[in-house]
Amino acid sequence: IEKKHADEIDKYIQGLDYNKNNVLVYHGDAVTNVPPRKGYKDGNEYIVVEKKKKSINQNNADIQVVNAISSLTYPGALVKANSELVENQPDVLPVKRDSLTLSIDLPGMTNQDNKIVVKNATKSNVNNAVNTLVERWNEKYAQAYPNVSAKIDYDDEMAYSESQLIAKFGTAFKAVNNSLNVNFGAISEGKMQEEVISFKQIYYNVNVNEPTRPSRFFGKAVTKEQLQALGVNAENPPAYISSVAYGRQVYLKLSTNSHSTKVKAA
């Protein structure tokens, strides 16, 4: 990138005034009045439902990608850091790109074999580079590491509302719940209890080397004015996807009509 353009871009981006702790925050539904206790007869039992006000927000840059938007996200992708990104609808910046360096964390790779330089960091070039890294490991190192263990992550949450589960698991849960079909109505009425379990298997991560300055991400013809015209400002600061985990995630739903307060412990 030309030095004049680079200096202007660096000054503009570094001068954007925003709270970095609030950029990728999911805010749940605001509750002002807590409904009182209510009860109903269920056979020989009288069930009392008591609701308590809780505050839960998500401040988590772990953005889970569902299939519908996988074509928009890749290591090094430039996006606007705003609510659309949190809602799993990334607004990708369509600008010319400079080079970037990728690395992969598969075991045994030595002599810089785990790294590759992508000269023009477009989506197709980055994906080709990731494939090259994986193929390199398969050809030179896989035989020495026949049983690479996947990284495992397990989490669970009793279901009370969709906003609560989104704050817990991320906004990708909106799409997942179409299949899980958590019965929030029955849960709210105290007729059912449901728990959602998230199980992740991560096979490898691809990381992007951190740039020394913001302008290093942009092609030589990109200007500050072009970024402004694309809507880059304090409300929509630019961000890049620094790491992508490749694997799978499975959700399970456990349901019971028991009214016991010890269901989760069981």
Protein backbone atom coordinates (compact mmCIF):
# COMPACT_ATOMS: atom_id res chain seq x y z
CA ILE A 1 0.00 0.00 0.00
CA GLU A 2 1.28 3.48 -0.82
CA LYS A 3 2.83 5.17 2.21
CA LYS A 4 0.52 8.20 2.06
CA HIS A 5 -2.57 6.01 1.91
CA ALA A 6 -1.19 3.70 4.59
CA ASP A 7 -0.51 6.55 7.00
CA GLU A 8 -3.99 8.01 6.46
CA ILE A 9 -5.67 4.62 6.98
CA ASP A 10 -3.65 3.93 10.12
CA LYS A 11 -4.47 7.34 11.56
CA TYR A 12 -8.17 7.01 10.74
CA ILE A 13 -8.66 3.48 12.09
CA GLN A 14 -6.56 4.04 15.20
CA GLY A 15 -8.49 7.26 15.86
CA LEU A 16 -11.95 5.65 15.84
CA ASP A 17 -13.54 6.27 19.22
CA TYR A 18 -15.41 3.19 20.47
CA ASN A 19 -15.52 0.95 23.52
CA LYS A 20 -13.79 -2.27 22.48
CA ASN A 21 -15.52 -4.14 25.31
CA ASN A 22 -18.96 -3.39 23.83
CA VAL A 23 -18.29 -4.03 20.15
CA LEU A 24 -19.28 -7.72 20.02
CA VAL A 25 -21.78 -7.92 22.84
CA TYR A 26 -25.10 -9.71 22.60
CA HIS A 27 -27.80 -8.03 24.70
CA GLY A 28 -30.64 -10.25 25.81
CA ASP A 29 -34.24 -9.20 26.24
CA ALA A 30 -34.69 -6.42 28.77
CA VAL A 31 -37.02 -7.35 31.63
CA THR A 32 -38.46 -4.50 33.66
CA ASN A 33 -41.23 -6.19 35.62
CA VAL A 34 -40.85 -9.69 36.98
CA PRO A 35 -44.11 -11.66 36.68
CA PRO A 36 -45.47 -12.73 40.08
CA ARG A 37 -45.88 -16.30 41.20
CA LYS A 38 -48.62 -18.28 39.54
CA GLY A 39 -49.96 -21.77 40.03
CA TYR A 40 -52.07 -24.40 38.35
CA LYS A 41 -53.53 -27.82 39.10
CA ASP A 42 -51.89 -30.80 37.42
CA GLY A 43 -53.63 -34.03 38.40
CA ASN A 44 -53.15 -34.47 42.12
CA GLU A 45 -50.44 -31.81 42.26
CA TYR A 46 -50.63 -28.03 42.51
CA ILE A 47 -47.66 -26.50 40.70
CA VAL A 48 -46.33 -23.06 41.70
CA VAL A 49 -44.20 -21.26 39.11
CA GLU A 50 -41.96 -18.47 40.36
CA LYS A 51 -39.98 -16.31 37.93
CA LYS A 52 -36.89 -14.37 38.97
CA LYS A 53 -35.26 -11.52 37.10
CA LYS A 54 -31.74 -12.24 35.85
CA SER A 55 -29.30 -10.27 33.71
CA ILE A 56 -27.26 -12.10 31.11
CA ASN A 57 -25.32 -10.66 28.20
CA GLN A 58 -22.69 -12.21 25.99
CA ASN A 59 -19.33 -10.54 25.46
CA ASN A 60 -17.66 -13.16 23.37
CA ALA A 61 -15.73 -12.89 20.13
CA ASP A 62 -16.15 -16.60 19.46
CA ILE A 63 -18.48 -16.23 16.49
CA GLN A 64 -19.93 -19.56 15.39
CA VAL A 65 -20.46 -19.93 11.67
CA VAL A 66 -23.53 -21.74 10.39
CA ASN A 67 -23.63 -23.15 6.85
CA ALA A 68 -25.66 -20.26 5.50
CA ILE A 69 -22.80 -17.80 6.01
CA SER A 70 -19.74 -20.05 5.79
CA SER A 71 -19.00 -18.60 2.35
CA LEU A 72 -18.50 -15.17 3.92
CA THR A 73 -16.01 -16.11 6.60
CA TYR A 74 -12.43 -17.34 6.38
CA PRO A 75 -9.11 -16.69 8.17
CA GLY A 76 -8.14 -13.07 7.63
CA ALA A 77 -11.55 -11.94 6.34
CA LEU A 78 -12.20 -8.23 6.91
CA VAL A 79 -15.57 -7.47 8.47
CA LYS A 80 -17.36 -4.70 10.30
CA ALA A 81 -17.41 -5.31 14.06
CA ASN A 82 -21.05 -4.57 14.81
CA SER A 83 -24.32 -6.19 15.83
CA GLU A 84 -24.70 -7.88 12.44
CA LEU A 85 -21.53 -9.85 13.08
CA VAL A 86 -22.84 -10.91 16.49
CA GLU A 87 -26.11 -11.92 14.80
CA ASN A 88 -24.16 -14.21 12.44
CA GLN A 89 -24.67 -11.94 9.45
CA PRO A 90 -21.15 -10.59 8.86
CA ASP A 91 -20.76 -7.50 6.71
CA VAL A 92 -17.57 -8.28 4.77
CA LEU A 93 -15.48 -5.34 3.53
CA PRO A 94 -15.07 -5.73 -0.28
CA VAL A 95 -11.64 -4.15 -0.70
CA LYS A 96 -8.37 -5.11 -2.36
CA ARG A 97 -6.12 -7.05 -0.02
CA ASP A 98 -2.42 -7.23 0.78
CA SER A 99 -0.58 -10.41 1.76
CA LEU A 100 -0.98 -12.23 5.06
CA THR A 101 0.64 -15.19 6.79
CA LEU A 102 -1.38 -18.20 7.94
CA SER A 103 -0.32 -20.92 10.37
CA ILE A 104 -1.91 -24.25 11.31
CA ASP A 105 -1.60 -26.10 14.63
CA LEU A 106 -1.38 -29.70 13.37
CA PRO A 107 1.35 -31.64 15.24
CA GLY A 108 4.90 -32.29 14.07
CA MET A 109 5.24 -29.59 11.42
CA THR A 110 8.77 -28.16 11.50
CA ASN A 111 10.97 -25.78 9.47
CA GLN A 112 8.10 -23.34 8.96
CA ASP A 113 6.00 -26.05 7.26
CA ASN A 114 3.06 -24.94 9.40
CA LYS A 115 3.07 -21.49 7.78
CA ILE A 116 2.17 -20.13 4.38
CA VAL A 117 2.10 -16.63 2.87
CA VAL A 118 -0.98 -15.64 0.88
CA LYS A 119 0.04 -12.82 -1.45
CA ASN A 120 -3.46 -11.64 -2.32
CA ALA A 121 -5.70 -12.56 0.62
CA THR A 122 -8.97 -13.18 -1.20
CA LYS A 123 -11.35 -15.85 0.04
CA SER A 124 -10.41 -18.34 -2.69
CA ASN A 125 -6.67 -17.77 -2.22
CA VAL A 126 -6.94 -18.19 1.55
CA ASN A 127 -8.98 -21.38 1.23
CA ASN A 128 -6.45 -22.77 -1.25
CA ALA A 129 -3.66 -21.93 1.20
CA VAL A 130 -5.47 -23.73 4.03
CA ASN A 131 -5.88 -26.79 1.80
CA THR A 132 -2.17 -26.62 0.98
CA LEU A 133 -1.26 -26.65 4.69
CA VAL A 134 -3.52 -29.64 5.35
CA GLU A 135 -2.18 -31.54 2.33
CA ARG A 136 1.39 -30.78 3.42
CA TRP A 137 0.69 -32.30 6.83
CA ASN A 138 -0.99 -35.35 5.30
CA GLU A 139 1.97 -35.97 2.96
CA LYS A 140 4.84 -35.38 5.40
CA TYR A 141 3.60 -35.81 8.98
CA ALA A 142 0.34 -37.75 9.17
CA GLN A 143 2.03 -41.16 9.23
CA ALA A 144 3.95 -40.20 12.38
CA TYR A 145 0.74 -38.94 14.03
CA PRO A 146 -1.94 -41.50 13.08
CA ASN A 147 -4.27 -40.74 15.98
CA VAL A 148 -4.47 -36.99 16.50
CA SER A 149 -6.99 -36.29 19.24
CA ALA A 150 -9.59 -33.64 18.55
CA LYS A 151 -9.90 -30.80 21.03
CA ILE A 152 -13.10 -31.32 23.00
CA ASP A 153 -15.34 -28.62 24.45
CA TYR A 154 -18.51 -29.41 26.40
CA ASP A 155 -21.08 -26.98 27.77
CA ASP A 156 -24.66 -27.24 29.01
CA GLU A 157 -27.45 -24.94 30.11
CA MET A 158 -30.97 -25.33 31.48
CA ALA A 159 -33.35 -23.62 29.04
CA TYR A 160 -35.51 -20.70 30.17
CA SER A 161 -35.68 -18.40 27.12
CA GLU A 162 -34.22 -18.15 23.63
CA SER A 163 -32.32 -14.97 24.54
CA GLN A 164 -30.72 -16.75 27.48
CA LEU A 165 -29.54 -19.63 25.28
CA ILE A 166 -28.27 -17.25 22.60
CA ALA A 167 -26.29 -15.39 25.24
CA LYS A 168 -24.88 -18.71 26.40
CA PHE A 169 -24.12 -20.45 23.10
CA GLY A 170 -23.98 -17.59 20.60
CA THR A 171 -26.39 -16.35 17.97
CA ALA A 172 -25.84 -19.44 15.81
CA PHE A 173 -28.23 -21.07 18.27
CA LYS A 174 -31.12 -19.32 16.49
CA ALA A 175 -30.64 -21.58 13.48
CA VAL A 176 -29.93 -24.62 15.65
CA ASN A 177 -33.17 -24.21 17.61
CA ASN A 178 -35.18 -24.70 14.42
CA SER A 179 -34.15 -28.35 14.72
CA LEU A 180 -33.98 -28.64 18.51
CA ASN A 181 -37.41 -27.01 18.92
CA VAL A 182 -36.98 -26.08 22.57
CA ASN A 183 -40.48 -25.70 24.05
CA PHE A 184 -40.12 -22.31 25.74
CA GLY A 185 -43.88 -22.03 26.25
CA ALA A 186 -44.11 -25.21 28.31
CA ILE A 187 -40.92 -24.26 30.15
CA SER A 188 -42.34 -20.83 31.02
CA GLU A 189 -45.51 -22.44 32.38
CA GLY A 190 -43.51 -24.86 34.51
CA LYS A 191 -44.87 -27.92 32.68
CA MET A 192 -41.52 -29.04 31.33
CA GLN A 193 -37.80 -28.69 31.94
CA GLU A 194 -35.28 -28.86 29.13
CA GLU A 195 -31.49 -28.77 29.06
CA VAL A 196 -29.36 -27.96 26.01
CA ILE A 197 -25.93 -29.53 25.65
CA SER A 198 -23.24 -28.29 23.26
CA PHE A 199 -20.44 -30.64 22.23
CA LYS A 200 -17.55 -29.38 20.05
CA GLN A 201 -14.80 -31.33 18.31
CA ILE A 202 -12.01 -29.15 16.90
CA TYR A 203 -9.56 -30.89 14.55
CA TYR A 204 -7.24 -27.97 13.85
CA ASN A 205 -7.04 -24.19 13.98
CA VAL A 206 -5.79 -21.82 11.30
CA ASN A 207 -4.42 -18.54 12.65
CA VAL A 208 -3.51 -15.22 11.04
CA ASN A 209 -0.28 -13.47 12.00
CA GLU A 210 -1.14 -10.22 13.75
CA PRO A 211 -0.37 -7.18 11.56
CA THR A 212 2.02 -4.49 12.74
CA ARG A 213 -0.42 -1.79 11.60
CA PRO A 214 -4.03 -1.74 10.29
CA SER A 215 -3.05 -0.68 6.78
CA ARG A 216 -1.12 -3.94 6.28
CA PHE A 217 -4.43 -5.66 5.54
CA PHE A 218 -5.31 -3.48 2.56
CA GLY A 219 -4.15 -3.43 -1.04
CA LYS A 220 -1.96 -0.57 -2.24
CA ALA A 221 -4.81 1.27 -3.99
CA VAL A 222 -7.15 1.34 -0.98
CA THR A 223 -7.70 4.77 0.57
CA LYS A 224 -9.19 6.14 3.77
CA GLU A 225 -12.00 7.69 1.73
CA GLN A 226 -12.86 4.30 0.24
CA LEU A 227 -13.18 2.77 3.72
CA GLN A 228 -15.38 5.66 4.83
CA ALA A 229 -17.59 5.18 1.77
CA LEU A 230 -17.98 1.51 2.75
CA GLY A 231 -19.31 2.57 6.16
CA VAL A 232 -16.22 2.07 8.31
CA ASN A 233 -16.65 4.35 11.32
CA ALA A 234 -16.82 4.31 15.12
CA GLU A 235 -20.15 2.45 15.04
CA ASN A 236 -18.80 -0.05 12.50
CA PRO A 237 -15.06 -0.39 13.14
CA PRO A 238 -13.10 -2.80 10.95
CA ALA A 239 -12.07 -6.18 12.31
CA TYR A 240 -10.43 -9.29 10.94
CA ILE A 241 -11.02 -12.97 11.63
CA SER A 242 -7.81 -13.88 13.43
CA SER A 243 -8.47 -17.59 13.86
CA VAL A 244 -10.81 -20.24 12.49
CA ALA A 245 -11.40 -23.59 14.20
CA TYR A 246 -12.24 -26.43 11.83
CA GLY A 247 -14.38 -29.19 13.26
CA ARG A 248 -17.97 -29.92 14.16
CA GLN A 249 -20.48 -28.99 16.83
CA VAL A 250 -23.37 -31.12 18.05
CA TYR A 251 -26.34 -29.92 20.13
CA LEU A 252 -28.48 -32.22 22.25
CA LYS A 253 -31.75 -31.50 24.04
CA LEU A 254 -32.84 -33.36 27.16
CA SER A 255 -36.50 -33.00 28.16
CA THR A 256 -38.49 -34.02 31.22
CA ASN A 257 -41.90 -33.22 32.68
CA SER A 258 -40.48 -33.62 36.18
CA HIS A 259 -40.99 -30.65 38.48
CA SER A 260 -37.96 -31.48 40.62
CA THR A 261 -35.56 -28.63 41.34
CA LYS A 262 -32.68 -31.10 41.09
CA VAL A 263 -33.09 -32.04 37.41
CA LYS A 264 -29.83 -30.38 36.35
CA ALA A 265 -27.87 -32.16 39.08
CA ALA A 266 -29.23 -35.48 37.86
